[in-house]
Amino acid sequence: MKPKNIELNIEELVLHGFSPGDRHGIGEAVEQELTRLMADRGVPQSLEHGGKIGQVDGGAFEVAQDSRAQVVGAKVAKAVYWGLRQ
């Protein structure tokens, strides 16, 4: 099976309750985890034919107050990935 090349552009990611200083670390973690998920589990059908998706609701999740950006970003990416599969 030939791997697919896709470009995913997230224009805005809204997270409540996090320090603005964590945004770059969380963003990098989201990118890494989404890449891993799509490589391991495949590209969601919603992205198969390109185009624009107006909004993805990743729902809510809980993290410990002192969680590192890597942990938060991985949870965000999983929520976004499963939101794309809906």
PDB file of N, CA and C in Angstrom:
ATOM      1  N   MET A   1       0.839  -1.169   0.000  1.00  0.00           N
ATOM      2  CA  MET A   1       0.000   0.000   0.000  1.00  0.00           C
ATOM      3  C   MET A   1       0.894   1.246   0.000  1.00  0.00           C
ATOM      4  N   LYS A   2       0.639   2.152  -0.900  1.00  0.00           N
ATOM      5  CA  LYS A   2       1.431   3.377  -1.020  1.00  0.00           C
ATOM      6  C   LYS A   2       1.003   4.389   0.041  1.00  0.00           C
ATOM      7  N   PRO A   3       1.965   4.940   0.804  1.00  0.00           N
ATOM      8  CA  PRO A   3       1.596   5.939   1.811  1.00  0.00           C
ATOM      9  C   PRO A   3       1.025   7.196   1.152  1.00  0.00           C
ATOM     10  N   LYS A   4       0.100   7.840   1.838  1.00  0.00           N
ATOM     11  CA  LYS A   4      -0.518   9.057   1.329  1.00  0.00           C
ATOM     12  C   LYS A   4       0.223  10.266   1.869  1.00  0.00           C
ATOM     13  N   ASN A   5       0.318  11.264   1.038  1.00  0.00           N
ATOM     14  CA  ASN A   5       0.865  12.542   1.474  1.00  0.00           C
ATOM     15  C   ASN A   5      -0.294  13.503   1.642  1.00  0.00           C
ATOM     16  N   ILE A   6      -0.431  14.035   2.833  1.00  0.00           N
ATOM     17  CA  ILE A   6      -1.478  15.021   3.062  1.00  0.00           C
ATOM     18  C   ILE A   6      -0.864  16.223   3.764  1.00  0.00           C
ATOM     19  N   GLU A   7      -1.526  17.331   3.599  1.00  0.00           N
ATOM     20  CA  GLU A   7      -1.145  18.534   4.319  1.00  0.00           C
ATOM     21  C   GLU A   7      -2.354  18.954   5.135  1.00  0.00           C
ATOM     22  N   LEU A   8      -2.173  19.035   6.425  1.00  0.00           N
ATOM     23  CA  LEU A   8      -3.249  19.406   7.333  1.00  0.00           C
ATOM     24  C   LEU A   8      -2.887  20.737   7.968  1.00  0.00           C
ATOM     25  N   ASN A   9      -3.749  21.705   7.802  1.00  0.00           N
ATOM     26  CA  ASN A   9      -3.514  23.039   8.335  1.00  0.00           C
ATOM     27  C   ASN A   9      -4.589  23.330   9.375  1.00  0.00           C
ATOM     28  N   ILE A  10      -4.185  23.453  10.615  1.00  0.00           N
ATOM     29  CA  ILE A  10      -5.106  23.805  11.686  1.00  0.00           C
ATOM     30  C   ILE A  10      -4.946  25.303  11.919  1.00  0.00           C
ATOM     31  N   GLU A  11      -5.952  26.049  11.513  1.00  0.00           N
ATOM     32  CA  GLU A  11      -5.863  27.504  11.621  1.00  0.00           C
ATOM     33  C   GLU A  11      -6.009  27.991  13.045  1.00  0.00           C
ATOM     34  N   GLU A  12      -6.837  27.339  13.819  1.00  0.00           N
ATOM     35  CA  GLU A  12      -7.046  27.781  15.193  1.00  0.00           C
ATOM     36  C   GLU A  12      -7.341  26.572  16.069  1.00  0.00           C
ATOM     37  N   LEU A  13      -6.681  26.518  17.189  1.00  0.00           N
ATOM     38  CA  LEU A  13      -6.900  25.463  18.164  1.00  0.00           C
ATOM     39  C   LEU A  13      -7.246  26.158  19.469  1.00  0.00           C
ATOM     40  N   VAL A  14      -8.457  25.955  19.949  1.00  0.00           N
ATOM     41  CA  VAL A  14      -8.928  26.641  21.141  1.00  0.00           C
ATOM     42  C   VAL A  14      -8.837  25.693  22.331  1.00  0.00           C
ATOM     43  N   LEU A  15      -8.014  26.057  23.290  1.00  0.00           N
ATOM     44  CA  LEU A  15      -7.853  25.295  24.525  1.00  0.00           C
ATOM     45  C   LEU A  15      -8.058  26.246  25.693  1.00  0.00           C
ATOM     46  N   HIS A  16      -8.874  25.852  26.617  1.00  0.00           N
ATOM     47  CA  HIS A  16      -9.127  26.685  27.786  1.00  0.00           C
ATOM     48  C   HIS A  16      -8.368  26.120  28.990  1.00  0.00           C
ATOM     49  N   GLY A  17      -7.826  27.020  29.798  1.00  0.00           N
ATOM     50  CA  GLY A  17      -7.197  26.600  31.044  1.00  0.00           C
ATOM     51  C   GLY A  17      -5.705  26.334  30.947  1.00  0.00           C
ATOM     52  N   PHE A  18      -5.068  26.752  29.863  1.00  0.00           N
ATOM     53  CA  PHE A  18      -3.638  26.536  29.707  1.00  0.00           C
ATOM     54  C   PHE A  18      -2.914  27.867  29.601  1.00  0.00           C
ATOM     55  N   SER A  19      -1.691  27.895  30.027  1.00  0.00           N
ATOM     56  CA  SER A  19      -0.880  29.104  29.962  1.00  0.00           C
ATOM     57  C   SER A  19      -0.545  29.424  28.504  1.00  0.00           C
ATOM     58  N   PRO A  20      -0.627  30.705  28.118  1.00  0.00           N
ATOM     59  CA  PRO A  20      -0.244  31.086  26.754  1.00  0.00           C
ATOM     60  C   PRO A  20       1.193  30.666  26.414  1.00  0.00           C
ATOM     61  N   GLY A  21       2.042  30.578  27.403  1.00  0.00           N
ATOM     62  CA  GLY A  21       3.419  30.166  27.174  1.00  0.00           C
ATOM     63  C   GLY A  21       3.569  28.709  26.763  1.00  0.00           C
ATOM     64  N   ASP A  22       2.529  27.923  26.973  1.00  0.00           N
ATOM     65  CA  ASP A  22       2.567  26.501  26.611  1.00  0.00           C
ATOM     66  C   ASP A  22       2.139  26.245  25.172  1.00  0.00           C
ATOM     67  N   ARG A  23       1.696  27.277  24.471  1.00  0.00           N
ATOM     68  CA  ARG A  23       1.074  27.067  23.155  1.00  0.00           C
ATOM     69  C   ARG A  23       2.013  26.422  22.139  1.00  0.00           C
ATOM     70  N   HIS A  24       3.276  26.811  22.122  1.00  0.00           N
ATOM     71  CA  HIS A  24       4.196  26.234  21.120  1.00  0.00           C
ATOM     72  C   HIS A  24       4.485  24.766  21.421  1.00  0.00           C
ATOM     73  N   GLY A  25       4.714  24.456  22.685  1.00  0.00           N
ATOM     74  CA  GLY A  25       4.970  23.065  23.059  1.00  0.00           C
ATOM     75  C   GLY A  25       3.777  22.172  22.792  1.00  0.00           C
ATOM     76  N   ILE A  26       2.589  22.677  23.120  1.00  0.00           N
ATOM     77  CA  ILE A  26       1.375  21.905  22.860  1.00  0.00           C
ATOM     78  C   ILE A  26       1.178  21.743  21.354  1.00  0.00           C
ATOM     79  N   GLY A  27       1.374  22.810  20.601  1.00  0.00           N
ATOM     80  CA  GLY A  27       1.211  22.739  19.145  1.00  0.00           C
ATOM     81  C   GLY A  27       2.150  21.730  18.503  1.00  0.00           C
ATOM     82  N   GLU A  28       3.405  21.717  18.936  1.00  0.00           N
ATOM     83  CA  GLU A  28       4.368  20.753  18.397  1.00  0.00           C
ATOM     84  C   GLU A  28       3.969  19.327  18.752  1.00  0.00           C
ATOM     85  N   ALA A  29       3.490  19.136  19.964  1.00  0.00           N
ATOM     86  CA  ALA A  29       3.064  17.801  20.389  1.00  0.00           C
ATOM     87  C   ALA A  29       1.847  17.342  19.602  1.00  0.00           C
ATOM     88  N   VAL A  30       0.919  18.263  19.326  1.00  0.00           N
ATOM     89  CA  VAL A  30      -0.253  17.927  18.512  1.00  0.00           C
ATOM     90  C   VAL A  30       0.205  17.463  17.128  1.00  0.00           C
ATOM     91  N   GLU A  31       1.111  18.209  16.533  1.00  0.00           N
ATOM     92  CA  GLU A  31       1.606  17.853  15.194  1.00  0.00           C
ATOM     93  C   GLU A  31       2.260  16.473  15.188  1.00  0.00           C
ATOM     94  N   GLN A  32       3.107  16.206  16.166  1.00  0.00           N
ATOM     95  CA  GLN A  32       3.799  14.916  16.229  1.00  0.00           C
ATOM     96  C   GLN A  32       2.818  13.759  16.404  1.00  0.00           C
ATOM     97  N   GLU A  33       1.854  13.933  17.311  1.00  0.00           N
ATOM     98  CA  GLU A  33       0.918  12.846  17.582  1.00  0.00           C
ATOM     99  C   GLU A  33      -0.050  12.628  16.425  1.00  0.00           C
ATOM    100  N   LEU A  34      -0.519  13.702  15.785  1.00  0.00           N
ATOM    101  CA  LEU A  34      -1.394  13.522  14.615  1.00  0.00           C
ATOM    102  C   LEU A  34      -0.656  12.804  13.490  1.00  0.00           C
ATOM    103  N   THR A  35       0.597  13.141  13.292  1.00  0.00           N
ATOM    104  CA  THR A  35       1.412  12.457  12.280  1.00  0.00           C
ATOM    105  C   THR A  35       1.509  10.976  12.594  1.00  0.00           C
ATOM    106  N   ARG A  36       1.780  10.660  13.855  1.00  0.00           N
ATOM    107  CA  ARG A  36       1.905   9.261  14.260  1.00  0.00           C
ATOM    108  C   ARG A  36       0.582   8.517  14.083  1.00  0.00           C
ATOM    109  N   LEU A  37      -0.516   9.132  14.525  1.00  0.00           N
ATOM    110  CA  LEU A  37      -1.820   8.480  14.414  1.00  0.00           C
ATOM    111  C   LEU A  37      -2.186   8.197  12.962  1.00  0.00           C
ATOM    112  N   MET A  38      -1.945   9.153  12.094  1.00  0.00           N
ATOM    113  CA  MET A  38      -2.301   8.955  10.684  1.00  0.00           C
ATOM    114  C   MET A  38      -1.398   7.922  10.021  1.00  0.00           C
ATOM    115  N   ALA A  39      -0.151   7.870  10.433  1.00  0.00           N
ATOM    116  CA  ALA A  39       0.758   6.857   9.889  1.00  0.00           C
ATOM    117  C   ALA A  39       0.370   5.466  10.379  1.00  0.00           C
ATOM    118  N   ASP A  40       0.006   5.350  11.662  1.00  0.00           N
ATOM    119  CA  ASP A  40      -0.317   4.050  12.249  1.00  0.00           C
ATOM    120  C   ASP A  40      -1.728   3.574  11.930  1.00  0.00           C
ATOM    121  N   ARG A  41      -2.694   4.497  11.958  1.00  0.00           N
ATOM    122  CA  ARG A  41      -4.101   4.108  11.857  1.00  0.00           C
ATOM    123  C   ARG A  41      -4.777   4.541  10.567  1.00  0.00           C
ATOM    124  N   GLY A  42      -4.068   5.312   9.764  1.00  0.00           N
ATOM    125  CA  GLY A  42      -4.615   5.735   8.480  1.00  0.00           C
ATOM    126  C   GLY A  42      -5.230   7.121   8.518  1.00  0.00           C
ATOM    127  N   VAL A  43      -5.405   7.648   7.338  1.00  0.00           N
ATOM    128  CA  VAL A  43      -5.999   8.974   7.174  1.00  0.00           C
ATOM    129  C   VAL A  43      -7.510   8.826   7.294  1.00  0.00           C
ATOM    130  N   PRO A  44      -8.150   9.627   8.150  1.00  0.00           N
ATOM    131  CA  PRO A  44      -9.609   9.559   8.267  1.00  0.00           C
ATOM    132  C   PRO A  44     -10.290   9.833   6.929  1.00  0.00           C
ATOM    133  N   GLN A  45     -11.412   9.177   6.688  1.00  0.00           N
ATOM    134  CA  GLN A  45     -12.142   9.348   5.433  1.00  0.00           C
ATOM    135  C   GLN A  45     -12.500  10.795   5.167  1.00  0.00           C
ATOM    136  N   SER A  46     -12.728  11.570   6.216  1.00  0.00           N
ATOM    137  CA  SER A  46     -13.097  12.974   6.039  1.00  0.00           C
ATOM    138  C   SER A  46     -12.000  13.770   5.333  1.00  0.00           C
ATOM    139  N   LEU A  47     -10.780  13.239   5.321  1.00  0.00           N
ATOM    140  CA  LEU A  47      -9.654  13.914   4.668  1.00  0.00           C
ATOM    141  C   LEU A  47      -9.241  13.254   3.359  1.00  0.00           C
ATOM    142  N   GLU A  48      -9.870  12.145   3.014  1.00  0.00           N
ATOM    143  CA  GLU A  48      -9.464  11.367   1.842  1.00  0.00           C
ATOM    144  C   GLU A  48      -9.502  12.148   0.534  1.00  0.00           C
ATOM    145  N   HIS A  49     -10.468  13.016   0.375  1.00  0.00           N
ATOM    146  CA  HIS A  49     -10.648  13.687  -0.911  1.00  0.00           C
ATOM    147  C   HIS A  49     -10.308  15.170  -0.837  1.00  0.00           C
ATOM    148  N   GLY A  50      -9.559  15.566   0.159  1.00  0.00           N
ATOM    149  CA  GLY A  50      -9.164  16.965   0.288  1.00  0.00           C
ATOM    150  C   GLY A  50     -10.326  17.844   0.689  1.00  0.00           C
ATOM    151  N   GLY A  51     -10.156  19.117   0.463  1.00  0.00           N
ATOM    152  CA  GLY A  51     -11.213  20.057   0.810  1.00  0.00           C
ATOM    153  C   GLY A  51     -11.015  20.632   2.190  1.00  0.00           C
ATOM    154  N   LYS A  52     -11.975  21.400   2.587  1.00  0.00           N
ATOM    155  CA  LYS A  52     -11.898  22.119   3.848  1.00  0.00           C
ATOM    156  C   LYS A  52     -12.948  21.584   4.815  1.00  0.00           C
ATOM    157  N   ILE A  53     -12.546  21.399   6.036  1.00  0.00           N
ATOM    158  CA  ILE A  53     -13.456  21.016   7.107  1.00  0.00           C
ATOM    159  C   ILE A  53     -13.580  22.238   8.001  1.00  0.00           C
ATOM    160  N   GLY A  54     -14.786  22.734   8.148  1.00  0.00           N
ATOM    161  CA  GLY A  54     -14.999  23.974   8.883  1.00  0.00           C
ATOM    162  C   GLY A  54     -14.623  23.906  10.343  1.00  0.00           C
ATOM    163  N   GLN A  55     -14.954  22.813  11.005  1.00  0.00           N
ATOM    164  CA  GLN A  55     -14.722  22.720  12.438  1.00  0.00           C
ATOM    165  C   GLN A  55     -14.726  21.264  12.847  1.00  0.00           C
ATOM    166  N   VAL A  56     -13.876  20.932  13.793  1.00  0.00           N
ATOM    167  CA  VAL A  56     -13.854  19.594  14.378  1.00  0.00           C
ATOM    168  C   VAL A  56     -14.004  19.766  15.879  1.00  0.00           C
ATOM    169  N   ASP A  57     -14.990  19.099  16.436  1.00  0.00           N
ATOM    170  CA  ASP A  57     -15.199  19.150  17.881  1.00  0.00           C
ATOM    171  C   ASP A  57     -14.477  17.961  18.490  1.00  0.00           C
ATOM    172  N   GLY A  58     -13.407  18.250  19.193  1.00  0.00           N
ATOM    173  CA  GLY A  58     -12.639  17.198  19.845  1.00  0.00           C
ATOM    174  C   GLY A  58     -13.194  16.808  21.194  1.00  0.00           C
ATOM    175  N   GLY A  59     -14.266  17.461  21.602  1.00  0.00           N
ATOM    176  CA  GLY A  59     -14.874  17.126  22.879  1.00  0.00           C
ATOM    177  C   GLY A  59     -14.055  17.666  24.047  1.00  0.00           C
ATOM    178  N   ALA A  60     -14.186  17.033  25.166  1.00  0.00           N
ATOM    179  CA  ALA A  60     -13.487  17.446  26.381  1.00  0.00           C
ATOM    180  C   ALA A  60     -12.614  16.305  26.876  1.00  0.00           C
ATOM    181  N   PHE A  61     -11.572  16.645  27.583  1.00  0.00           N
ATOM    182  CA  PHE A  61     -10.706  15.643  28.190  1.00  0.00           C
ATOM    183  C   PHE A  61     -10.088  16.251  29.434  1.00  0.00           C
ATOM    184  N   GLU A  62      -9.578  15.411  30.285  1.00  0.00           N
ATOM    185  CA  GLU A  62      -8.971  15.879  31.517  1.00  0.00           C
ATOM    186  C   GLU A  62      -7.486  15.569  31.520  1.00  0.00           C
ATOM    187  N   VAL A  63      -6.726  16.498  32.052  1.00  0.00           N
ATOM    188  CA  VAL A  63      -5.298  16.294  32.278  1.00  0.00           C
ATOM    189  C   VAL A  63      -4.966  16.828  33.658  1.00  0.00           C
ATOM    190  N   ALA A  64      -3.948  16.272  34.258  1.00  0.00           N
ATOM    191  CA  ALA A  64      -3.507  16.763  35.561  1.00  0.00           C
ATOM    192  C   ALA A  64      -2.998  18.194  35.420  1.00  0.00           C
ATOM    193  N   GLN A  65      -3.170  18.980  36.450  1.00  0.00           N
ATOM    194  CA  GLN A  65      -2.812  20.399  36.404  1.00  0.00           C
ATOM    195  C   GLN A  65      -1.351  20.628  36.033  1.00  0.00           C
ATOM    196  N   ASP A  66      -0.476  19.743  36.415  1.00  0.00           N
ATOM    197  CA  ASP A  66       0.956  19.929  36.154  1.00  0.00           C
ATOM    198  C   ASP A  66       1.451  19.133  34.943  1.00  0.00           C
ATOM    199  N   SER A  67       0.537  18.744  34.050  1.00  0.00           N
ATOM    200  CA  SER A  67       0.924  17.951  32.871  1.00  0.00           C
ATOM    201  C   SER A  67       1.821  18.747  31.936  1.00  0.00           C
ATOM    202  N   ARG A  68       2.804  18.060  31.373  1.00  0.00           N
ATOM    203  CA  ARG A  68       3.705  18.678  30.394  1.00  0.00           C
ATOM    204  C   ARG A  68       2.969  18.918  29.082  1.00  0.00           C
ATOM    205  N   ALA A  69       3.497  19.839  28.301  1.00  0.00           N
ATOM    206  CA  ALA A  69       2.905  20.171  27.003  1.00  0.00           C
ATOM    207  C   ALA A  69       2.807  18.939  26.112  1.00  0.00           C
ATOM    208  N   GLN A  70       3.761  18.040  26.177  1.00  0.00           N
ATOM    209  CA  GLN A  70       3.762  16.827  25.354  1.00  0.00           C
ATOM    210  C   GLN A  70       2.541  15.962  25.660  1.00  0.00           C
ATOM    211  N   VAL A  71       2.209  15.842  26.924  1.00  0.00           N
ATOM    212  CA  VAL A  71       1.057  15.034  27.339  1.00  0.00           C
ATOM    213  C   VAL A  71      -0.238  15.701  26.878  1.00  0.00           C
ATOM    214  N   VAL A  72      -0.344  17.007  27.091  1.00  0.00           N
ATOM    215  CA  VAL A  72      -1.535  17.749  26.679  1.00  0.00           C
ATOM    216  C   VAL A  72      -1.702  17.670  25.163  1.00  0.00           C
ATOM    217  N   GLY A  73      -0.621  17.908  24.426  1.00  0.00           N
ATOM    218  CA  GLY A  73      -0.684  17.871  22.964  1.00  0.00           C
ATOM    219  C   GLY A  73      -1.101  16.513  22.432  1.00  0.00           C
ATOM    220  N   ALA A  74      -0.626  15.453  23.058  1.00  0.00           N
ATOM    221  CA  ALA A  74      -1.007  14.101  22.620  1.00  0.00           C
ATOM    222  C   ALA A  74      -2.504  13.874  22.835  1.00  0.00           C
ATOM    223  N   LYS A  75      -3.032  14.334  23.947  1.00  0.00           N
ATOM    224  CA  LYS A  75      -4.473  14.185  24.209  1.00  0.00           C
ATOM    225  C   LYS A  75      -5.291  15.012  23.213  1.00  0.00           C
ATOM    226  N   VAL A  76      -4.836  16.224  22.928  1.00  0.00           N
ATOM    227  CA  VAL A  76      -5.517  17.073  21.951  1.00  0.00           C
ATOM    228  C   VAL A  76      -5.526  16.385  20.589  1.00  0.00           C
ATOM    229  N   ALA A  77      -4.375  15.867  20.164  1.00  0.00           N
ATOM    230  CA  ALA A  77      -4.269  15.219  18.859  1.00  0.00           C
ATOM    231  C   ALA A  77      -5.205  14.020  18.755  1.00  0.00           C
ATOM    232  N   LYS A  78      -5.281  13.221  19.803  1.00  0.00           N
ATOM    233  CA  LYS A  78      -6.179  12.065  19.792  1.00  0.00           C
ATOM    234  C   LYS A  78      -7.633  12.511  19.685  1.00  0.00           C
ATOM    235  N   ALA A  79      -7.981  13.573  20.396  1.00  0.00           N
ATOM    236  CA  ALA A  79      -9.351  14.092  20.334  1.00  0.00           C
ATOM    237  C   ALA A  79      -9.663  14.604  18.928  1.00  0.00           C
ATOM    238  N   VAL A  80      -8.715  15.322  18.317  1.00  0.00           N
ATOM    239  CA  VAL A  80      -8.910  15.832  16.967  1.00  0.00           C
ATOM    240  C   VAL A  80      -9.003  14.669  15.969  1.00  0.00           C
ATOM    241  N   TYR A  81      -8.116  13.722  16.089  1.00  0.00           N
ATOM    242  CA  TYR A  81      -8.122  12.576  15.171  1.00  0.00           C
ATOM    243  C   TYR A  81      -9.466  11.847  15.223  1.00  0.00           C
ATOM    244  N   TRP A  82      -9.950  11.556  16.421  1.00  0.00           N
ATOM    245  CA  TRP A  82     -11.230  10.840  16.537  1.00  0.00           C
ATOM    246  C   TRP A  82     -12.385  11.738  16.104  1.00  0.00           C
ATOM    247  N   GLY A  83     -12.255  13.034  16.301  1.00  0.00           N
ATOM    248  CA  GLY A  83     -13.267  13.967  15.786  1.00  0.00           C
ATOM    249  C   GLY A  83     -13.328  13.937  14.270  1.00  0.00           C
ATOM    250  N   LEU A  84     -12.191  13.789  13.619  1.00  0.00           N
ATOM    251  CA  LEU A  84     -12.136  13.706  12.159  1.00  0.00           C
ATOM    252  C   LEU A  84     -12.745  12.402  11.642  1.00  0.00           C
ATOM    253  N   ARG A  85     -12.735  11.377  12.449  1.00  0.00           N
ATOM    254  CA  ARG A  85     -13.274  10.080  12.041  1.00  0.00           C
ATOM    255  C   ARG A  85     -14.783  10.005  12.170  1.00  0.00           C
ATOM    256  N   GLN A  86     -15.389  10.983  12.800  1.00  0.00           N
ATOM    257  CA  GLN A  86     -16.851  10.990  12.997  1.00  0.00           C
ATOM    258  C   GLN A  86     -17.568  11.286  11.712  1.00  0.00           C
TER     259      GLN A  86
END
